[in-house]
Amino acid sequence: ASLHHTLLLITSFCYVGAMSLSNSAFRYVSYPTAVLAKSCKLIPTMVMGYLIEGKHYSNQEWIAAGSITIGIVLFNLSRIQQQQQQQHKEE
């Protein structure tokens, strides 16, 4: 099987454009919101895979993705709280 170079090129440009736009958009929200949004990529990726590509995920995969996302969010929230506490101590 050979690569479809045109599709690969279009996909690459879309990816670079999406990354640039998302980085630009994150300038307008607080740091904690940006970190949490970036932490939750797995669920939207699975949803779009289901809606656009027709991929089917097992209940175990959905539970695993949810657990991973919750863990990452809790970890990042604790980091953000620690950083805010440090900033208040320094003031």
N, C-alpha and C. Protein backbone atom coordinates (compact mmCIF):
# COMPACT_ATOMS: atom_id res chain seq x y z
N ALA A 1 0.84 -1.18 0.00
CA ALA A 1 0.00 0.00 0.00
C ALA A 1 0.89 1.24 0.00
N SER A 2 0.57 2.16 -0.86
CA SER A 2 1.36 3.38 -0.95
C SER A 2 0.65 4.51 -0.21
N LEU A 3 1.43 5.51 0.11
CA LEU A 3 0.88 6.67 0.80
C LEU A 3 0.13 7.57 -0.17
N HIS A 4 -0.93 8.15 0.30
CA HIS A 4 -1.68 9.13 -0.48
C HIS A 4 -1.09 10.49 -0.10
N HIS A 5 -0.11 10.96 -0.88
CA HIS A 5 0.66 12.15 -0.51
C HIS A 5 -0.18 13.42 -0.41
N THR A 6 -1.17 13.57 -1.26
CA THR A 6 -2.01 14.76 -1.21
C THR A 6 -2.78 14.80 0.11
N LEU A 7 -3.36 13.67 0.48
CA LEU A 7 -4.11 13.60 1.74
C LEU A 7 -3.20 13.83 2.93
N LEU A 8 -2.00 13.27 2.87
CA LEU A 8 -1.02 13.46 3.93
C LEU A 8 -0.63 14.93 4.06
N LEU A 9 -0.45 15.60 2.95
CA LEU A 9 -0.09 17.02 2.95
C LEU A 9 -1.24 17.87 3.53
N ILE A 10 -2.44 17.59 3.11
CA ILE A 10 -3.61 18.33 3.62
C ILE A 10 -3.75 18.12 5.12
N THR A 11 -3.60 16.87 5.56
CA THR A 11 -3.70 16.56 6.98
C THR A 11 -2.62 17.29 7.78
N SER A 12 -1.42 17.33 7.25
CA SER A 12 -0.32 18.03 7.93
C SER A 12 -0.60 19.51 8.07
N PHE A 13 -1.09 20.15 7.00
CA PHE A 13 -1.42 21.57 7.08
C PHE A 13 -2.56 21.83 8.07
N CYS A 14 -3.54 20.96 8.08
CA CYS A 14 -4.65 21.12 9.03
C CYS A 14 -4.16 21.00 10.47
N TYR A 15 -3.26 20.04 10.71
CA TYR A 15 -2.72 19.85 12.05
C TYR A 15 -1.92 21.07 12.51
N VAL A 16 -1.04 21.55 11.65
CA VAL A 16 -0.23 22.73 11.99
C VAL A 16 -1.13 23.94 12.21
N GLY A 17 -2.14 24.11 11.36
CA GLY A 17 -3.08 25.21 11.53
C GLY A 17 -3.85 25.11 12.83
N ALA A 18 -4.31 23.91 13.16
CA ALA A 18 -5.06 23.71 14.41
C ALA A 18 -4.19 24.00 15.62
N MET A 19 -2.94 23.56 15.61
CA MET A 19 -2.04 23.83 16.73
C MET A 19 -1.78 25.33 16.87
N SER A 20 -1.56 26.01 15.77
CA SER A 20 -1.31 27.45 15.81
C SER A 20 -2.53 28.20 16.35
N LEU A 21 -3.69 27.84 15.87
CA LEU A 21 -4.91 28.51 16.31
C LEU A 21 -5.22 28.20 17.77
N SER A 22 -5.00 26.97 18.20
CA SER A 22 -5.28 26.65 19.60
C SER A 22 -4.31 27.37 20.52
N ASN A 23 -3.05 27.47 20.13
CA ASN A 23 -2.09 28.22 20.94
C ASN A 23 -2.46 29.71 21.00
N SER A 24 -2.95 30.24 19.90
CA SER A 24 -3.39 31.64 19.90
C SER A 24 -4.60 31.83 20.79
N ALA A 25 -5.53 30.88 20.74
CA ALA A 25 -6.75 30.98 21.54
C ALA A 25 -6.45 30.89 23.04
N PHE A 26 -5.44 30.10 23.41
CA PHE A 26 -5.11 29.94 24.82
C PHE A 26 -4.56 31.21 25.45
N ARG A 27 -4.19 32.18 24.65
CA ARG A 27 -3.74 33.46 25.21
C ARG A 27 -4.88 34.24 25.84
N TYR A 28 -6.12 33.90 25.50
CA TYR A 28 -7.28 34.64 25.98
C TYR A 28 -7.97 33.98 27.17
N VAL A 29 -7.42 32.88 27.66
CA VAL A 29 -7.98 32.23 28.85
C VAL A 29 -6.89 32.13 29.91
N SER A 30 -7.31 31.90 31.14
CA SER A 30 -6.35 31.81 32.23
C SER A 30 -5.47 30.57 32.06
N TYR A 31 -4.33 30.60 32.70
CA TYR A 31 -3.40 29.48 32.63
C TYR A 31 -4.04 28.17 33.10
N PRO A 32 -4.74 28.17 34.24
CA PRO A 32 -5.37 26.91 34.67
C PRO A 32 -6.35 26.35 33.64
N THR A 33 -7.11 27.21 33.01
CA THR A 33 -8.07 26.75 32.00
C THR A 33 -7.34 26.15 30.80
N ALA A 34 -6.26 26.77 30.38
CA ALA A 34 -5.49 26.26 29.25
C ALA A 34 -4.88 24.89 29.56
N VAL A 35 -4.32 24.75 30.76
CA VAL A 35 -3.71 23.47 31.15
C VAL A 35 -4.77 22.37 31.19
N LEU A 36 -5.91 22.67 31.78
CA LEU A 36 -6.97 21.67 31.87
C LEU A 36 -7.52 21.31 30.49
N ALA A 37 -7.66 22.28 29.62
CA ALA A 37 -8.17 22.01 28.27
C ALA A 37 -7.20 21.10 27.51
N LYS A 38 -5.91 21.37 27.64
CA LYS A 38 -4.92 20.54 26.96
C LYS A 38 -4.85 19.15 27.56
N SER A 39 -5.23 19.01 28.82
CA SER A 39 -5.20 17.71 29.49
C SER A 39 -6.31 16.78 29.04
N CYS A 40 -7.34 17.33 28.46
CA CYS A 40 -8.55 16.55 28.17
C CYS A 40 -8.69 16.19 26.69
N LYS A 41 -7.61 16.03 25.99
CA LYS A 41 -7.67 15.77 24.54
C LYS A 41 -8.18 14.38 24.20
N LEU A 42 -8.00 13.43 25.08
CA LEU A 42 -8.33 12.03 24.77
C LEU A 42 -9.81 11.83 24.49
N ILE A 43 -10.67 12.41 25.31
CA ILE A 43 -12.12 12.21 25.15
C ILE A 43 -12.62 12.81 23.83
N PRO A 44 -12.31 14.08 23.50
CA PRO A 44 -12.77 14.61 22.21
C PRO A 44 -12.21 13.83 21.02
N THR A 45 -10.99 13.32 21.15
CA THR A 45 -10.42 12.52 20.07
C THR A 45 -11.23 11.24 19.85
N MET A 46 -11.62 10.61 20.94
CA MET A 46 -12.43 9.39 20.82
C MET A 46 -13.82 9.71 20.27
N VAL A 47 -14.40 10.80 20.74
CA VAL A 47 -15.74 11.18 20.25
C VAL A 47 -15.70 11.47 18.76
N MET A 48 -14.70 12.21 18.31
CA MET A 48 -14.60 12.52 16.89
C MET A 48 -14.29 11.27 16.07
N GLY A 49 -13.49 10.36 16.61
CA GLY A 49 -13.23 9.10 15.94
C GLY A 49 -14.52 8.31 15.75
N TYR A 50 -15.38 8.36 16.76
CA TYR A 50 -16.67 7.67 16.68
C TYR A 50 -17.59 8.34 15.66
N LEU A 51 -17.67 9.68 15.74
CA LEU A 51 -18.60 10.42 14.87
C LEU A 51 -18.15 10.48 13.42
N ILE A 52 -16.86 10.72 13.20
CA ILE A 52 -16.37 10.94 11.84
C ILE A 52 -15.92 9.65 11.18
N GLU A 53 -15.13 8.85 11.90
CA GLU A 53 -14.56 7.65 11.30
C GLU A 53 -15.37 6.40 11.56
N GLY A 54 -16.38 6.51 12.43
CA GLY A 54 -17.19 5.34 12.74
C GLY A 54 -16.48 4.30 13.59
N LYS A 55 -15.43 4.74 14.31
CA LYS A 55 -14.71 3.80 15.18
C LYS A 55 -15.61 3.44 16.36
N HIS A 56 -15.49 2.22 16.78
CA HIS A 56 -16.26 1.76 17.93
C HIS A 56 -15.29 1.42 19.05
N TYR A 57 -15.56 1.96 20.22
CA TYR A 57 -14.72 1.72 21.39
C TYR A 57 -15.53 0.90 22.40
N SER A 58 -14.85 0.01 23.08
CA SER A 58 -15.52 -0.81 24.09
C SER A 58 -15.78 0.04 25.34
N ASN A 59 -16.67 -0.45 26.19
CA ASN A 59 -16.93 0.25 27.45
C ASN A 59 -15.65 0.37 28.26
N GLN A 60 -14.82 -0.66 28.21
CA GLN A 60 -13.55 -0.64 28.95
C GLN A 60 -12.65 0.50 28.44
N GLU A 61 -12.62 0.72 27.14
CA GLU A 61 -11.81 1.81 26.58
C GLU A 61 -12.36 3.17 27.00
N TRP A 62 -13.68 3.34 27.00
CA TRP A 62 -14.28 4.60 27.44
C TRP A 62 -13.98 4.85 28.92
N ILE A 63 -14.10 3.81 29.73
CA ILE A 63 -13.81 3.95 31.16
C ILE A 63 -12.33 4.28 31.38
N ALA A 64 -11.46 3.62 30.64
CA ALA A 64 -10.02 3.90 30.75
C ALA A 64 -9.72 5.34 30.35
N ALA A 65 -10.30 5.79 29.25
CA ALA A 65 -10.07 7.18 28.79
C ALA A 65 -10.59 8.17 29.83
N GLY A 66 -11.76 7.90 30.37
CA GLY A 66 -12.32 8.78 31.41
C GLY A 66 -11.45 8.81 32.65
N SER A 67 -10.96 7.64 33.06
CA SER A 67 -10.10 7.56 34.24
C SER A 67 -8.78 8.30 34.02
N ILE A 68 -8.20 8.12 32.85
CA ILE A 68 -6.95 8.83 32.53
C ILE A 68 -7.18 10.33 32.54
N THR A 69 -8.27 10.77 31.92
CA THR A 69 -8.57 12.20 31.86
C THR A 69 -8.79 12.78 33.25
N ILE A 70 -9.56 12.08 34.07
CA ILE A 70 -9.81 12.55 35.45
C ILE A 70 -8.50 12.62 36.23
N GLY A 71 -7.66 11.61 36.08
CA GLY A 71 -6.36 11.61 36.76
C GLY A 71 -5.49 12.78 36.35
N ILE A 72 -5.44 13.05 35.06
CA ILE A 72 -4.63 14.17 34.56
C ILE A 72 -5.18 15.49 35.05
N VAL A 73 -6.51 15.64 35.03
CA VAL A 73 -7.13 16.88 35.51
C VAL A 73 -6.83 17.09 36.99
N LEU A 74 -7.00 16.06 37.81
CA LEU A 74 -6.71 16.18 39.25
C LEU A 74 -5.25 16.51 39.50
N PHE A 75 -4.36 15.87 38.76
CA PHE A 75 -2.94 16.16 38.90
C PHE A 75 -2.64 17.61 38.57
N ASN A 76 -3.18 18.07 37.44
CA ASN A 76 -2.93 19.46 37.03
C ASN A 76 -3.57 20.46 37.98
N LEU A 77 -4.75 20.16 38.49
CA LEU A 77 -5.37 21.06 39.46
C LEU A 77 -4.52 21.18 40.72
N SER A 78 -3.98 20.07 41.19
CA SER A 78 -3.13 20.13 42.38
C SER A 78 -1.86 20.93 42.12
N ARG A 79 -1.28 20.76 40.91
CA ARG A 79 -0.09 21.55 40.55
C ARG A 79 -0.41 23.04 40.51
N ILE A 80 -1.56 23.37 39.92
CA ILE A 80 -1.95 24.78 39.81
C ILE A 80 -2.18 25.37 41.19
N GLN A 81 -2.83 24.62 42.07
CA GLN A 81 -3.06 25.12 43.43
C GLN A 81 -1.75 25.33 44.17
N GLN A 82 -0.80 24.41 43.99
CA GLN A 82 0.50 24.57 44.63
C GLN A 82 1.22 25.81 44.12
N GLN A 83 1.15 26.04 42.82
CA GLN A 83 1.79 27.22 42.25
C GLN A 83 1.15 28.50 42.78
N GLN A 84 -0.17 28.50 42.90
CA GLN A 84 -0.85 29.69 43.41
C GLN A 84 -0.51 29.93 44.87
N GLN A 85 -0.39 28.87 45.66
CA GLN A 85 -0.01 29.01 47.06
C GLN A 85 1.40 29.57 47.18
N GLN A 86 2.31 29.10 46.33
CA GLN A 86 3.67 29.61 46.35
C GLN A 86 3.71 31.10 46.00
N GLN A 87 2.90 31.50 45.02
CA GLN A 87 2.87 32.90 44.62
C GLN A 87 2.34 33.76 45.76
N HIS A 88 1.35 33.28 46.49
CA HIS A 88 0.80 34.05 47.62
C HIS A 88 1.83 34.16 48.74
N LYS A 89 2.64 33.14 48.95
CA LYS A 89 3.66 33.18 49.99
C LYS A 89 4.76 34.17 49.63
N GLU A 90 5.06 34.29 48.34
CA GLU A 90 6.11 35.17 47.89
C GLU A 90 5.68 36.63 47.92
N GLU A 91 4.39 36.88 47.93
CA GLU A 91 3.90 38.28 47.90
C GLU A 91 3.94 38.92 49.23
